[in-house]
Amino acid sequence: MNVKKSDTSVPDCQPCRLVGTGLFLFVATYIWYHTRNGIYNNGFIYKKLPLRLIAIGSLYMSFARFIYLPPFKHLAPEK
């Protein structure tokens, strides 16, 4: 799969990378922590499972943002 480089592409800066990583990590931990107890802990898996899947997806986005996995591959600096 070829990715075309555009003239409007801006290189990624380190603070932007860290803030993006931190944001996705915060969302993942917030959702995971708040689905541990409370109204979602009454035995119904169909209430907790979608939220946990969103948390796992957000955790992946955090790691993808930090090490330039897809969908952030186009932001990686030239080697």
Protein backbone atom coordinates (compact mmCIF):
# COMPACT_ATOMS: atom_id res chain seq x y z
CA MET A 1 0.00 0.00 0.00
CA ASN A 2 1.62 3.22 -1.15
CA VAL A 3 1.06 6.41 0.77
CA LYS A 4 1.33 9.54 -1.32
CA LYS A 5 3.15 12.47 0.23
CA SER A 6 1.36 15.78 -0.06
CA ASP A 7 2.87 19.24 -0.14
CA THR A 8 0.65 20.34 2.73
CA SER A 9 1.88 17.67 5.13
CA VAL A 10 3.36 19.16 8.29
CA PRO A 11 6.04 17.22 10.16
CA ASP A 12 5.06 15.99 13.60
CA CYS A 13 6.57 17.78 16.61
CA GLN A 14 7.49 16.05 19.87
CA PRO A 15 5.04 17.99 22.11
CA CYS A 16 2.17 17.19 19.72
CA ARG A 17 3.13 13.53 19.82
CA LEU A 18 3.26 13.45 23.62
CA VAL A 19 -0.03 15.33 24.06
CA GLY A 20 -1.79 13.02 21.59
CA THR A 21 -0.40 9.96 23.34
CA GLY A 22 -1.37 11.28 26.76
CA LEU A 23 -4.89 12.15 25.64
CA PHE A 24 -5.64 8.67 24.28
CA LEU A 25 -4.03 7.08 27.36
CA PHE A 26 -6.14 9.25 29.68
CA VAL A 27 -9.35 8.34 27.85
CA ALA A 28 -8.48 4.63 28.01
CA THR A 29 -7.69 4.63 31.73
CA TYR A 30 -10.70 6.81 32.57
CA ILE A 31 -13.14 4.49 30.79
CA TRP A 32 -11.47 1.34 32.14
CA TYR A 33 -11.48 2.65 35.73
CA HIS A 34 -15.08 3.84 35.69
CA THR A 35 -16.42 0.57 34.27
CA ARG A 36 -14.93 -1.43 37.16
CA ASN A 37 -17.69 -0.63 39.68
CA GLY A 38 -21.02 1.09 39.78
CA ILE A 39 -23.97 0.72 37.45
CA TYR A 40 -21.98 -1.34 34.95
CA ASN A 41 -21.08 -4.02 37.51
CA ASN A 42 -24.54 -5.52 37.92
CA GLY A 43 -23.84 -8.65 35.89
CA PHE A 44 -24.86 -7.44 32.46
CA ILE A 45 -21.88 -7.93 30.19
CA TYR A 46 -23.55 -6.14 27.28
CA LYS A 47 -23.33 -2.86 29.21
CA LYS A 48 -19.68 -3.16 30.16
CA LEU A 49 -18.24 -4.80 27.04
CA PRO A 50 -18.74 -1.93 24.55
CA LEU A 51 -17.15 0.53 26.95
CA ARG A 52 -14.21 -1.78 27.57
CA LEU A 53 -13.73 -2.22 23.81
CA ILE A 54 -13.62 1.55 23.42
CA ALA A 55 -11.00 1.69 26.18
CA ILE A 56 -8.89 -0.97 24.45
CA GLY A 57 -9.22 0.89 21.15
CA SER A 58 -8.13 4.10 22.82
CA LEU A 59 -5.15 2.33 24.37
CA TYR A 60 -4.13 1.11 20.91
CA MET A 61 -4.48 4.65 19.56
CA SER A 62 -2.19 5.85 22.35
CA PHE A 63 0.55 3.38 21.43
CA ALA A 64 -0.02 3.96 17.71
CA ARG A 65 0.39 7.70 18.18
CA PHE A 66 3.62 7.26 20.13
CA ILE A 67 5.38 4.83 17.78
CA TYR A 68 3.68 5.84 14.50
CA LEU A 69 1.56 2.78 13.81
CA PRO A 70 -1.43 3.07 11.46
CA PRO A 71 -3.41 5.43 11.28
CA PHE A 72 -0.58 7.79 12.30
CA LYS A 73 2.04 6.35 9.97
CA HIS A 74 1.93 9.39 7.69
CA LEU A 75 3.17 11.61 10.55
CA ALA A 76 6.43 9.67 10.96
CA PRO A 77 9.59 11.63 10.19
CA GLU A 78 11.62 10.73 7.12
CA LYS A 79 14.32 8.15 7.75
